[in-house]
């Protein structure tokens, strides 16, 4: 059912590990280390939008929450694709620097959430410099999930696409329904 390139690319990425990269990828994959970054985004939005800052903040929260729920509450239990770290045929060679995680991995909530935030932030600020930086951030988080053995490449690609699609869709709805802003 799944394309062979997906498993082959996963294996290639997962087996090209180093101790230094293990630490870097564990850091990027840890959702709690990003709390100061999220607070900085909120601070930036408050400074930029002042009394109307609640609108972009609510938009970003809704986008991330919907992306997360599509992946973790709908697709993972419905599709039931085992994470690579749970795949019996991989146990002799898989490198797990940070444990395994839940049983199912399609699709990546990390990728969906980070890309929803990245695209959402761009859509409300139109700051291209920020776009490049935050897309790089979301891409590294997504890559870390493959590197650490938690997801196949297709899991993070689909997760990223879901996050981007939700960010675009919610922005469109909120522009019409709440007249968020058309910056």
Protein backbone atom coordinates (compact mmCIF):
# COMPACT_ATOMS: atom_id res chain seq x y z
CA UNK A 1 0.00 0.00 0.00
CA UNK A 2 2.77 2.47 0.85
CA UNK A 3 5.35 3.44 -1.79
CA UNK A 4 8.73 1.72 -1.49
CA UNK A 5 10.63 5.02 -1.79
CA UNK A 6 9.06 6.04 1.53
CA UNK A 7 10.65 3.17 3.47
CA UNK A 8 13.91 3.40 1.53
CA UNK A 9 14.29 7.13 2.17
CA UNK A 10 13.37 6.62 5.83
CA UNK A 11 16.07 3.96 6.18
CA UNK A 12 18.69 6.13 4.47
CA UNK A 13 17.93 9.14 6.72
CA UNK A 14 17.66 7.10 9.91
CA UNK A 15 20.92 5.22 9.35
CA UNK A 16 22.91 8.39 8.61
CA UNK A 17 23.06 9.49 12.22
CA UNK A 18 25.75 10.91 14.47
CA UNK A 19 25.85 11.61 18.20
CA UNK A 20 25.85 15.36 17.55
CA UNK A 21 22.87 15.18 15.20
CA UNK A 22 21.05 12.92 17.65
CA UNK A 23 21.19 15.74 20.21
CA UNK A 24 20.21 18.41 17.67
CA UNK A 25 17.25 16.41 16.36
CA UNK A 26 16.03 15.55 19.86
CA UNK A 27 16.14 19.27 20.66
CA UNK A 28 14.17 20.26 17.55
CA UNK A 29 11.59 17.52 18.14
CA UNK A 30 10.93 18.55 21.75
CA UNK A 31 7.74 20.62 21.77
CA UNK A 32 8.52 22.18 25.16
CA UNK A 33 11.78 23.85 24.12
CA UNK A 34 9.77 25.99 21.71
CA UNK A 35 7.64 27.68 24.39
CA UNK A 36 9.92 30.78 24.49
CA UNK A 37 9.68 30.94 20.68
CA UNK A 38 5.87 30.83 20.84
CA UNK A 39 5.89 33.56 23.49
CA UNK A 40 8.12 35.65 21.23
CA UNK A 41 5.61 35.22 18.39
CA UNK A 42 2.79 36.36 20.69
CA UNK A 43 4.86 39.36 21.77
CA UNK A 44 5.57 40.20 18.10
CA UNK A 45 1.87 39.97 17.21
CA UNK A 46 0.87 42.17 20.16
CA UNK A 47 3.42 44.79 19.09
CA UNK A 48 2.33 44.63 15.46
CA UNK A 49 -1.45 44.48 15.86
CA UNK A 50 -1.85 46.14 19.27
CA UNK A 51 -5.49 45.92 20.47
CA UNK A 52 -6.43 43.71 17.53
CA UNK A 53 -3.67 41.19 18.33
CA UNK A 54 -6.19 38.71 19.72
CA UNK A 55 -7.39 38.05 16.17
CA UNK A 56 -4.11 36.69 14.72
CA UNK A 57 -3.37 34.87 17.98
CA UNK A 58 -6.77 33.13 17.92
CA UNK A 59 -6.28 32.38 14.21
CA UNK A 60 -2.93 30.69 14.85
CA UNK A 61 -4.24 28.71 17.83
CA UNK A 62 -7.25 27.50 15.82
CA UNK A 63 -5.06 26.57 12.82
CA UNK A 64 -2.61 24.57 14.93
CA UNK A 65 -5.39 22.90 16.97
CA UNK A 66 -7.33 21.81 13.87
CA UNK A 67 -4.16 20.56 12.15
CA UNK A 68 -3.23 18.60 15.24
CA UNK A 69 -6.68 17.05 15.59
CA UNK A 70 -6.89 16.07 11.92
CA UNK A 71 -3.63 14.17 12.30
CA UNK A 72 -3.86 12.71 15.79
CA UNK A 73 -7.58 12.20 16.32
CA UNK A 74 -8.76 11.42 12.80
CA UNK A 75 -6.02 10.13 10.49
CA UNK A 76 -3.76 8.19 12.88
CA UNK A 77 -6.57 6.02 14.31
CA UNK A 78 -8.29 5.67 10.93
CA UNK A 79 -5.25 4.82 8.77
CA UNK A 80 -3.35 2.94 11.51
CA UNK A 81 0.03 2.99 9.83
CA UNK A 82 2.64 1.78 12.29
CA UNK A 83 5.44 4.17 13.10
CA UNK A 84 8.77 2.96 11.72
CA UNK A 85 9.97 2.33 15.28
CA UNK A 86 7.11 -0.19 15.71
CA UNK A 87 7.78 -1.95 12.41
CA UNK A 88 8.99 -5.49 13.23
CA UNK A 89 11.15 -5.79 10.10
CA UNK A 90 13.13 -2.64 11.09
CA UNK A 91 14.07 -3.73 14.61
CA UNK A 92 17.48 -5.15 13.61
CA UNK A 93 18.77 -1.85 12.22
CA UNK A 94 16.62 1.13 13.25
CA UNK A 95 18.35 3.87 15.24
CA UNK A 96 16.17 5.36 18.00
CA UNK A 97 17.92 8.23 19.76
CA UNK A 98 14.80 9.37 21.61
CA UNK A 99 12.47 6.42 22.17
CA UNK A 100 9.56 5.54 19.98
CA UNK A 101 6.22 7.21 20.70
CA UNK A 102 2.67 6.13 19.98
CA UNK A 103 1.83 3.15 17.83
CA UNK A 104 0.58 4.95 14.71
CA UNK A 105 2.36 7.64 12.74
CA UNK A 106 0.37 8.68 9.68
CA UNK A 107 0.46 11.59 9.57
CA UNK A 108 2.90 13.71 11.56
CA UNK A 109 1.30 16.11 14.01
CA UNK A 110 4.68 17.80 14.53
CA UNK A 111 4.82 18.59 10.80
CA UNK A 112 1.18 19.66 10.61
CA UNK A 113 1.43 21.95 13.62
CA UNK A 114 4.72 23.58 12.69
CA UNK A 115 3.65 24.21 9.09
CA UNK A 116 0.25 25.54 10.19
CA UNK A 117 2.07 28.01 12.43
CA UNK A 118 4.65 28.89 9.78
CA UNK A 119 2.19 29.53 6.97
CA UNK A 120 -0.31 31.16 9.32
CA UNK A 121 2.31 33.57 10.59
CA UNK A 122 3.28 34.48 7.06
CA UNK A 123 -0.33 34.98 5.98
CA UNK A 124 -0.94 37.48 8.76
CA UNK A 125 2.36 39.35 8.55
CA UNK A 126 3.33 39.05 4.84
CA UNK A 127 6.94 39.16 6.06
CA UNK A 128 8.99 37.19 3.50
CA UNK A 129 12.13 37.19 5.63
CA UNK A 130 10.16 35.64 8.46
CA UNK A 131 8.66 33.15 6.01
CA UNK A 132 12.07 31.75 5.05
CA UNK A 133 13.14 31.46 8.67
CA UNK A 134 9.95 29.84 9.92
CA UNK A 135 9.68 27.46 6.95
CA UNK A 136 13.25 26.36 7.70
CA UNK A 137 12.23 25.87 11.35
CA UNK A 138 9.16 23.78 10.39
CA UNK A 139 11.23 21.75 7.91
CA UNK A 140 13.90 20.92 10.49
CA UNK A 141 11.23 19.85 12.99
CA UNK A 142 9.67 17.65 10.30
CA UNK A 143 13.03 16.18 9.29
CA UNK A 144 13.83 15.45 12.94
CA UNK A 145 10.79 13.20 13.14
CA UNK A 146 12.15 11.02 10.31
CA UNK A 147 15.71 11.09 11.66
CA UNK A 148 14.52 9.99 15.12
CA UNK A 149 12.53 7.05 13.73
CA UNK A 150 9.08 8.40 14.60
CA UNK A 151 7.80 8.96 11.05
CA UNK A 152 8.29 8.04 7.43
CA UNK A 153 8.92 10.87 4.93
CA UNK A 154 5.37 10.56 3.58
CA UNK A 155 4.01 11.03 7.11
CA UNK A 156 5.73 14.40 7.44
CA UNK A 157 4.96 15.49 3.87
CA UNK A 158 1.25 14.86 4.36
CA UNK A 159 1.34 16.41 7.83
CA UNK A 160 3.00 19.53 6.43
CA UNK A 161 0.46 19.79 3.63
CA UNK A 162 -2.40 19.42 6.11
CA UNK A 163 -0.93 22.19 8.27
CA UNK A 164 -0.53 24.52 5.31
CA UNK A 165 -4.00 23.74 3.98
CA UNK A 166 -5.62 24.35 7.35
CA UNK A 167 -3.75 27.64 7.77
CA UNK A 168 -4.98 28.83 4.36
CA UNK A 169 -8.53 27.58 4.94
CA UNK A 170 -8.96 29.02 8.42
CA UNK A 171 -7.50 32.36 7.31
CA UNK A 172 -10.03 32.52 4.50
CA UNK A 173 -12.93 31.63 6.80
CA UNK A 174 -11.85 34.12 9.46
CA UNK A 175 -11.41 36.89 6.91
CA UNK A 176 -15.02 36.44 5.84
CA UNK A 177 -16.58 35.65 9.20
CA UNK A 178 -14.66 37.81 11.63
CA UNK A 179 -13.05 40.28 9.27
CA UNK A 180 -9.67 39.48 10.79
CA UNK A 181 -7.56 41.79 8.65
CA UNK A 182 -6.39 41.80 5.11
CA UNK A 183 -2.76 42.67 5.51
